[in-house]
Amino acid sequence: MAWSWRYEGANGESVDGPAESFGSQADAESWIGQTWRELAASGVTSVALLEDDRVEYRMSLQPVAE
């Protein structure tokens, strides 16, 4: 099983990002924890964690509004 991230822009459209593949969910989550700021700065507003083609979950990279 391969884990990867799909990158999404402000309107939910797919945007380009690093084509990384991981052997475990933990490895994928560790990687996004280290790179999310750079992704957000490049215009990625949310990501979806994929296990092969199945979406495990989606996550915003935007700050929480107060």
PDB file of N, CA and C in Angstrom:
ATOM      1  N   MET A   1       0.831  -1.182   0.000  1.00  0.00           N
ATOM      2  CA  MET A   1       0.000   0.000   0.000  1.00  0.00           C
ATOM      3  C   MET A   1       0.873   1.243   0.000  1.00  0.00           C
ATOM      4  N   ALA A   2       0.521   2.178  -0.847  1.00  0.00           N
ATOM      5  CA  ALA A   2       1.276   3.424  -0.934  1.00  0.00           C
ATOM      6  C   ALA A   2       0.434   4.572  -0.406  1.00  0.00           C
ATOM      7  N   TRP A   3       1.075   5.444   0.323  1.00  0.00           N
ATOM      8  CA  TRP A   3       0.438   6.633   0.872  1.00  0.00           C
ATOM      9  C   TRP A   3       1.012   7.845   0.165  1.00  0.00           C
ATOM     10  N   SER A   4       0.148   8.822  -0.136  1.00  0.00           N
ATOM     11  CA  SER A   4       0.604  10.049  -0.795  1.00  0.00           C
ATOM     12  C   SER A   4      -0.352  11.175  -0.439  1.00  0.00           C
ATOM     13  N   TRP A   5       0.044  12.382  -0.808  1.00  0.00           N
ATOM     14  CA  TRP A   5      -0.770  13.572  -0.567  1.00  0.00           C
ATOM     15  C   TRP A   5      -1.255  14.133  -1.893  1.00  0.00           C
ATOM     16  N   ARG A   6      -2.507  14.571  -1.914  1.00  0.00           N
ATOM     17  CA  ARG A   6      -3.037  15.339  -3.039  1.00  0.00           C
ATOM     18  C   ARG A   6      -3.151  16.782  -2.549  1.00  0.00           C
ATOM     19  N   TYR A   7      -2.723  17.721  -3.364  1.00  0.00           N
ATOM     20  CA  TYR A   7      -2.664  19.123  -2.984  1.00  0.00           C
ATOM     21  C   TYR A   7      -3.824  19.864  -3.630  1.00  0.00           C
ATOM     22  N   GLU A   8      -4.474  20.742  -2.866  1.00  0.00           N
ATOM     23  CA  GLU A   8      -5.654  21.444  -3.362  1.00  0.00           C
ATOM     24  C   GLU A   8      -5.504  22.947  -3.146  1.00  0.00           C
ATOM     25  N   GLY A   9      -6.055  23.713  -4.083  1.00  0.00           N
ATOM     26  CA  GLY A   9      -6.041  25.172  -3.999  1.00  0.00           C
ATOM     27  C   GLY A   9      -7.290  25.697  -3.309  1.00  0.00           C
ATOM     28  N   ALA A  10      -7.466  27.011  -3.368  1.00  0.00           N
ATOM     29  CA  ALA A  10      -8.543  27.689  -2.653  1.00  0.00           C
ATOM     30  C   ALA A  10      -9.936  27.202  -3.054  1.00  0.00           C
ATOM     31  N   ASN A  11     -10.116  26.806  -4.299  1.00  0.00           N
ATOM     32  CA  ASN A  11     -11.427  26.360  -4.777  1.00  0.00           C
ATOM     33  C   ASN A  11     -11.564  24.841  -4.762  1.00  0.00           C
ATOM     34  N   GLY A  12     -10.634  24.153  -4.118  1.00  0.00           N
ATOM     35  CA  GLY A  12     -10.676  22.696  -4.056  1.00  0.00           C
ATOM     36  C   GLY A  12     -10.101  22.010  -5.274  1.00  0.00           C
ATOM     37  N   GLU A  13      -9.580  22.800  -6.226  1.00  0.00           N
ATOM     38  CA  GLU A  13      -8.990  22.208  -7.424  1.00  0.00           C
ATOM     39  C   GLU A  13      -7.616  21.624  -7.089  1.00  0.00           C
ATOM     40  N   SER A  14      -7.234  20.606  -7.821  1.00  0.00           N
ATOM     41  CA  SER A  14      -5.908  20.023  -7.641  1.00  0.00           C
ATOM     42  C   SER A  14      -4.851  21.008  -8.104  1.00  0.00           C
ATOM     43  N   VAL A  15      -3.778  21.106  -7.327  1.00  0.00           N
ATOM     44  CA  VAL A  15      -2.639  21.939  -7.703  1.00  0.00           C
ATOM     45  C   VAL A  15      -1.380  21.083  -7.626  1.00  0.00           C
ATOM     46  N   ASP A  16      -0.349  21.540  -8.308  1.00  0.00           N
ATOM     47  CA  ASP A  16       0.910  20.804  -8.321  1.00  0.00           C
ATOM     48  C   ASP A  16       1.591  20.868  -6.961  1.00  0.00           C
ATOM     49  N   GLY A  17       2.269  19.782  -6.635  1.00  0.00           N
ATOM     50  CA  GLY A  17       3.057  19.708  -5.418  1.00  0.00           C
ATOM     51  C   GLY A  17       4.036  18.556  -5.541  1.00  0.00           C
ATOM     52  N   PRO A  18       4.851  18.348  -4.526  1.00  0.00           N
ATOM     53  CA  PRO A  18       5.844  17.276  -4.569  1.00  0.00           C
ATOM     54  C   PRO A  18       5.191  15.908  -4.750  1.00  0.00           C
ATOM     55  N   ALA A  19       5.725  15.117  -5.638  1.00  0.00           N
ATOM     56  CA  ALA A  19       5.206  13.771  -5.908  1.00  0.00           C
ATOM     57  C   ALA A  19       5.905  12.766  -4.989  1.00  0.00           C
ATOM     58  N   GLU A  20       5.555  12.822  -3.716  1.00  0.00           N
ATOM     59  CA  GLU A  20       6.159  11.934  -2.724  1.00  0.00           C
ATOM     60  C   GLU A  20       5.263  10.722  -2.502  1.00  0.00           C
ATOM     61  N   SER A  21       5.864   9.578  -2.217  1.00  0.00           N
ATOM     62  CA  SER A  21       5.131   8.363  -1.879  1.00  0.00           C
ATOM     63  C   SER A  21       5.747   7.783  -0.618  1.00  0.00           C
ATOM     64  N   PHE A  22       4.912   7.250   0.254  1.00  0.00           N
ATOM     65  CA  PHE A  22       5.361   6.793   1.566  1.00  0.00           C
ATOM     66  C   PHE A  22       4.890   5.370   1.826  1.00  0.00           C
ATOM     67  N   GLY A  23       5.652   4.642   2.624  1.00  0.00           N
ATOM     68  CA  GLY A  23       5.324   3.260   2.945  1.00  0.00           C
ATOM     69  C   GLY A  23       4.313   3.113   4.064  1.00  0.00           C
ATOM     70  N   SER A  24       4.073   4.190   4.807  1.00  0.00           N
ATOM     71  CA  SER A  24       3.115   4.121   5.910  1.00  0.00           C
ATOM     72  C   SER A  24       2.419   5.458   6.086  1.00  0.00           C
ATOM     73  N   GLN A  25       1.275   5.419   6.741  1.00  0.00           N
ATOM     74  CA  GLN A  25       0.548   6.647   7.052  1.00  0.00           C
ATOM     75  C   GLN A  25       1.390   7.533   7.959  1.00  0.00           C
ATOM     76  N   ALA A  26       2.062   6.939   8.925  1.00  0.00           N
ATOM     77  CA  ALA A  26       2.898   7.710   9.857  1.00  0.00           C
ATOM     78  C   ALA A  26       4.005   8.456   9.122  1.00  0.00           C
ATOM     79  N   ASP A  27       4.634   7.823   8.145  1.00  0.00           N
ATOM     80  CA  ASP A  27       5.683   8.497   7.374  1.00  0.00           C
ATOM     81  C   ASP A  27       5.114   9.675   6.592  1.00  0.00           C
ATOM     82  N   ALA A  28       3.940   9.490   5.986  1.00  0.00           N
ATOM     83  CA  ALA A  28       3.312  10.568   5.225  1.00  0.00           C
ATOM     84  C   ALA A  28       2.953  11.729   6.142  1.00  0.00           C
ATOM     85  N   GLU A  29       2.414  11.431   7.314  1.00  0.00           N
ATOM     86  CA  GLU A  29       2.029  12.485   8.246  1.00  0.00           C
ATOM     87  C   GLU A  29       3.243  13.206   8.819  1.00  0.00           C
ATOM     88  N   SER A  30       4.305  12.497   9.056  1.00  0.00           N
ATOM     89  CA  SER A  30       5.537  13.127   9.530  1.00  0.00           C
ATOM     90  C   SER A  30       6.070  14.098   8.477  1.00  0.00           C
ATOM     91  N   TRP A  31       6.052  13.678   7.228  1.00  0.00           N
ATOM     92  CA  TRP A  31       6.544  14.514   6.142  1.00  0.00           C
ATOM     93  C   TRP A  31       5.705  15.787   6.007  1.00  0.00           C
ATOM     94  N   ILE A  32       4.366  15.666   6.038  1.00  0.00           N
ATOM     95  CA  ILE A  32       3.520  16.851   5.889  1.00  0.00           C
ATOM     96  C   ILE A  32       3.720  17.785   7.078  1.00  0.00           C
ATOM     97  N   GLY A  33       3.999  17.228   8.249  1.00  0.00           N
ATOM     98  CA  GLY A  33       4.271  18.053   9.418  1.00  0.00           C
ATOM     99  C   GLY A  33       5.515  18.904   9.260  1.00  0.00           C
ATOM    100  N   GLN A  34       6.445  18.433   8.448  1.00  0.00           N
ATOM    101  CA  GLN A  34       7.688  19.168   8.221  1.00  0.00           C
ATOM    102  C   GLN A  34       7.603  20.142   7.048  1.00  0.00           C
ATOM    103  N   THR A  35       6.646  19.933   6.138  1.00  0.00           N
ATOM    104  CA  THR A  35       6.630  20.722   4.899  1.00  0.00           C
ATOM    105  C   THR A  35       5.376  21.566   4.683  1.00  0.00           C
ATOM    106  N   TRP A  36       4.404  21.502   5.582  1.00  0.00           N
ATOM    107  CA  TRP A  36       3.131  22.177   5.326  1.00  0.00           C
ATOM    108  C   TRP A  36       3.287  23.689   5.165  1.00  0.00           C
ATOM    109  N   ARG A  37       4.222  24.298   5.886  1.00  0.00           N
ATOM    110  CA  ARG A  37       4.383  25.753   5.772  1.00  0.00           C
ATOM    111  C   ARG A  37       4.828  26.156   4.365  1.00  0.00           C
ATOM    112  N   GLU A  38       5.765  25.413   3.799  1.00  0.00           N
ATOM    113  CA  GLU A  38       6.232  25.702   2.445  1.00  0.00           C
ATOM    114  C   GLU A  38       5.116  25.478   1.433  1.00  0.00           C
ATOM    115  N   LEU A  39       4.330  24.419   1.634  1.00  0.00           N
ATOM    116  CA  LEU A  39       3.217  24.153   0.732  1.00  0.00           C
ATOM    117  C   LEU A  39       2.195  25.284   0.797  1.00  0.00           C
ATOM    118  N   ALA A  40       1.847  25.714   2.004  1.00  0.00           N
ATOM    119  CA  ALA A  40       0.881  26.798   2.177  1.00  0.00           C
ATOM    120  C   ALA A  40       1.397  28.080   1.531  1.00  0.00           C
ATOM    121  N   ALA A  41       2.680  28.347   1.664  1.00  0.00           N
ATOM    122  CA  ALA A  41       3.267  29.548   1.066  1.00  0.00           C
ATOM    123  C   ALA A  41       3.233  29.499  -0.457  1.00  0.00           C
ATOM    124  N   SER A  42       3.191  28.300  -1.024  1.00  0.00           N
ATOM    125  CA  SER A  42       3.153  28.163  -2.482  1.00  0.00           C
ATOM    126  C   SER A  42       1.731  28.111  -3.038  1.00  0.00           C
ATOM    127  N   GLY A  43       0.719  28.287  -2.175  1.00  0.00           N
ATOM    128  CA  GLY A  43      -0.661  28.349  -2.656  1.00  0.00           C
ATOM    129  C   GLY A  43      -1.512  27.135  -2.357  1.00  0.00           C
ATOM    130  N   VAL A  44      -0.949  26.117  -1.726  1.00  0.00           N
ATOM    131  CA  VAL A  44      -1.746  24.948  -1.345  1.00  0.00           C
ATOM    132  C   VAL A  44      -2.554  25.326  -0.111  1.00  0.00           C
ATOM    133  N   THR A  45      -3.880  25.176  -0.191  1.00  0.00           N
ATOM    134  CA  THR A  45      -4.725  25.547   0.947  1.00  0.00           C
ATOM    135  C   THR A  45      -5.196  24.344   1.751  1.00  0.00           C
ATOM    136  N   SER A  46      -5.201  23.153   1.111  1.00  0.00           N
ATOM    137  CA  SER A  46      -5.568  21.931   1.824  1.00  0.00           C
ATOM    138  C   SER A  46      -4.896  20.744   1.153  1.00  0.00           C
ATOM    139  N   VAL A  47      -4.857  19.652   1.891  1.00  0.00           N
ATOM    140  CA  VAL A  47      -4.282  18.412   1.374  1.00  0.00           C
ATOM    141  C   VAL A  47      -5.218  17.262   1.689  1.00  0.00           C
ATOM    142  N   ALA A  48      -5.120  16.215   0.899  1.00  0.00           N
ATOM    143  CA  ALA A  48      -5.867  14.985   1.152  1.00  0.00           C
ATOM    144  C   ALA A  48      -4.855  13.852   1.225  1.00  0.00           C
ATOM    145  N   LEU A  49      -4.942  13.050   2.279  1.00  0.00           N
ATOM    146  CA  LEU A  49      -4.071  11.890   2.421  1.00  0.00           C
ATOM    147  C   LEU A  49      -4.716  10.720   1.699  1.00  0.00           C
ATOM    148  N   LEU A  50      -3.975  10.133   0.766  1.00  0.00           N
ATOM    149  CA  LEU A  50      -4.481   9.019  -0.028  1.00  0.00           C
ATOM    150  C   LEU A  50      -3.751   7.735   0.326  1.00  0.00           C
ATOM    151  N   GLU A  51      -4.513   6.664   0.465  1.00  0.00           N
ATOM    152  CA  GLU A  51      -3.954   5.318   0.528  1.00  0.00           C
ATOM    153  C   GLU A  51      -4.315   4.688  -0.796  1.00  0.00           C
ATOM    154  N   ASP A  52      -3.328   4.539  -1.661  1.00  0.00           N
ATOM    155  CA  ASP A  52      -3.552   4.188  -3.058  1.00  0.00           C
ATOM    156  C   ASP A  52      -4.494   5.237  -3.654  1.00  0.00           C
ATOM    157  N   ASP A  53      -5.735   4.893  -3.998  1.00  0.00           N
ATOM    158  CA  ASP A  53      -6.677   5.871  -4.556  1.00  0.00           C
ATOM    159  C   ASP A  53      -7.752   6.296  -3.565  1.00  0.00           C
ATOM    160  N   ARG A  54      -7.750   5.733  -2.367  1.00  0.00           N
ATOM    161  CA  ARG A  54      -8.773   6.026  -1.355  1.00  0.00           C
ATOM    162  C   ARG A  54      -8.354   7.209  -0.489  1.00  0.00           C
ATOM    163  N   VAL A  55      -9.274   8.175  -0.306  1.00  0.00           N
ATOM    164  CA  VAL A  55      -8.989   9.325   0.550  1.00  0.00           C
ATOM    165  C   VAL A  55      -9.181   8.910   2.006  1.00  0.00           C
ATOM    166  N   GLU A  56      -8.114   9.004   2.781  1.00  0.00           N
ATOM    167  CA  GLU A  56      -8.179   8.713   4.216  1.00  0.00           C
ATOM    168  C   GLU A  56      -8.796   9.901   4.966  1.00  0.00           C
ATOM    169  N   TYR A  57      -8.295  11.109   4.678  1.00  0.00           N
ATOM    170  CA  TYR A  57      -8.870  12.330   5.239  1.00  0.00           C
ATOM    171  C   TYR A  57      -8.332  13.543   4.502  1.00  0.00           C
ATOM    172  N   ARG A  58      -9.011  14.681   4.707  1.00  0.00           N
ATOM    173  CA  ARG A  58      -8.570  15.966   4.177  1.00  0.00           C
ATOM    174  C   ARG A  58      -8.190  16.858   5.346  1.00  0.00           C
ATOM    175  N   MET A  59      -7.291  17.808   5.065  1.00  0.00           N
ATOM    176  CA  MET A  59      -6.821  18.696   6.133  1.00  0.00           C
ATOM    177  C   MET A  59      -6.492  20.062   5.525  1.00  0.00           C
ATOM    178  N   SER A  60      -6.955  21.116   6.189  1.00  0.00           N
ATOM    179  CA  SER A  60      -6.655  22.474   5.762  1.00  0.00           C
ATOM    180  C   SER A  60      -5.232  22.833   6.197  1.00  0.00           C
ATOM    181  N   LEU A  61      -4.575  23.640   5.391  1.00  0.00           N
ATOM    182  CA  LEU A  61      -3.270  24.184   5.748  1.00  0.00           C
ATOM    183  C   LEU A  61      -3.378  25.654   6.165  1.00  0.00           C
ATOM    184  N   GLN A  62      -4.601  26.163   6.221  1.00  0.00           N
ATOM    185  CA  GLN A  62      -4.837  27.560   6.570  1.00  0.00           C
ATOM    186  C   GLN A  62      -4.995  27.721   8.068  1.00  0.00           C
ATOM    187  N   PRO A  63      -4.594  28.865   8.609  1.00  0.00           N
ATOM    188  CA  PRO A  63      -4.762  29.116  10.042  1.00  0.00           C
ATOM    189  C   PRO A  63      -6.240  29.114  10.415  1.00  0.00           C
ATOM    190  N   VAL A  64      -6.537  28.709  11.610  1.00  0.00           N
ATOM    191  CA  VAL A  64      -7.910  28.710  12.118  1.00  0.00           C
ATOM    192  C   VAL A  64      -8.333  30.157  12.371  1.00  0.00           C
ATOM    193  N   ALA A  65      -9.484  30.529  11.856  1.00  0.00           N
ATOM    194  CA  ALA A  65     -10.003  31.888  12.087  1.00  0.00           C
ATOM    195  C   ALA A  65     -10.457  32.024  13.538  1.00  0.00           C
ATOM    196  N   GLU A  66     -10.134  33.153  14.125  1.00  0.00           N
ATOM    197  CA  GLU A  66     -10.525  33.372  15.522  1.00  0.00           C
ATOM    198  C   GLU A  66     -11.696  34.296  15.630  1.00  0.00           C
TER     199      GLU A  66
END
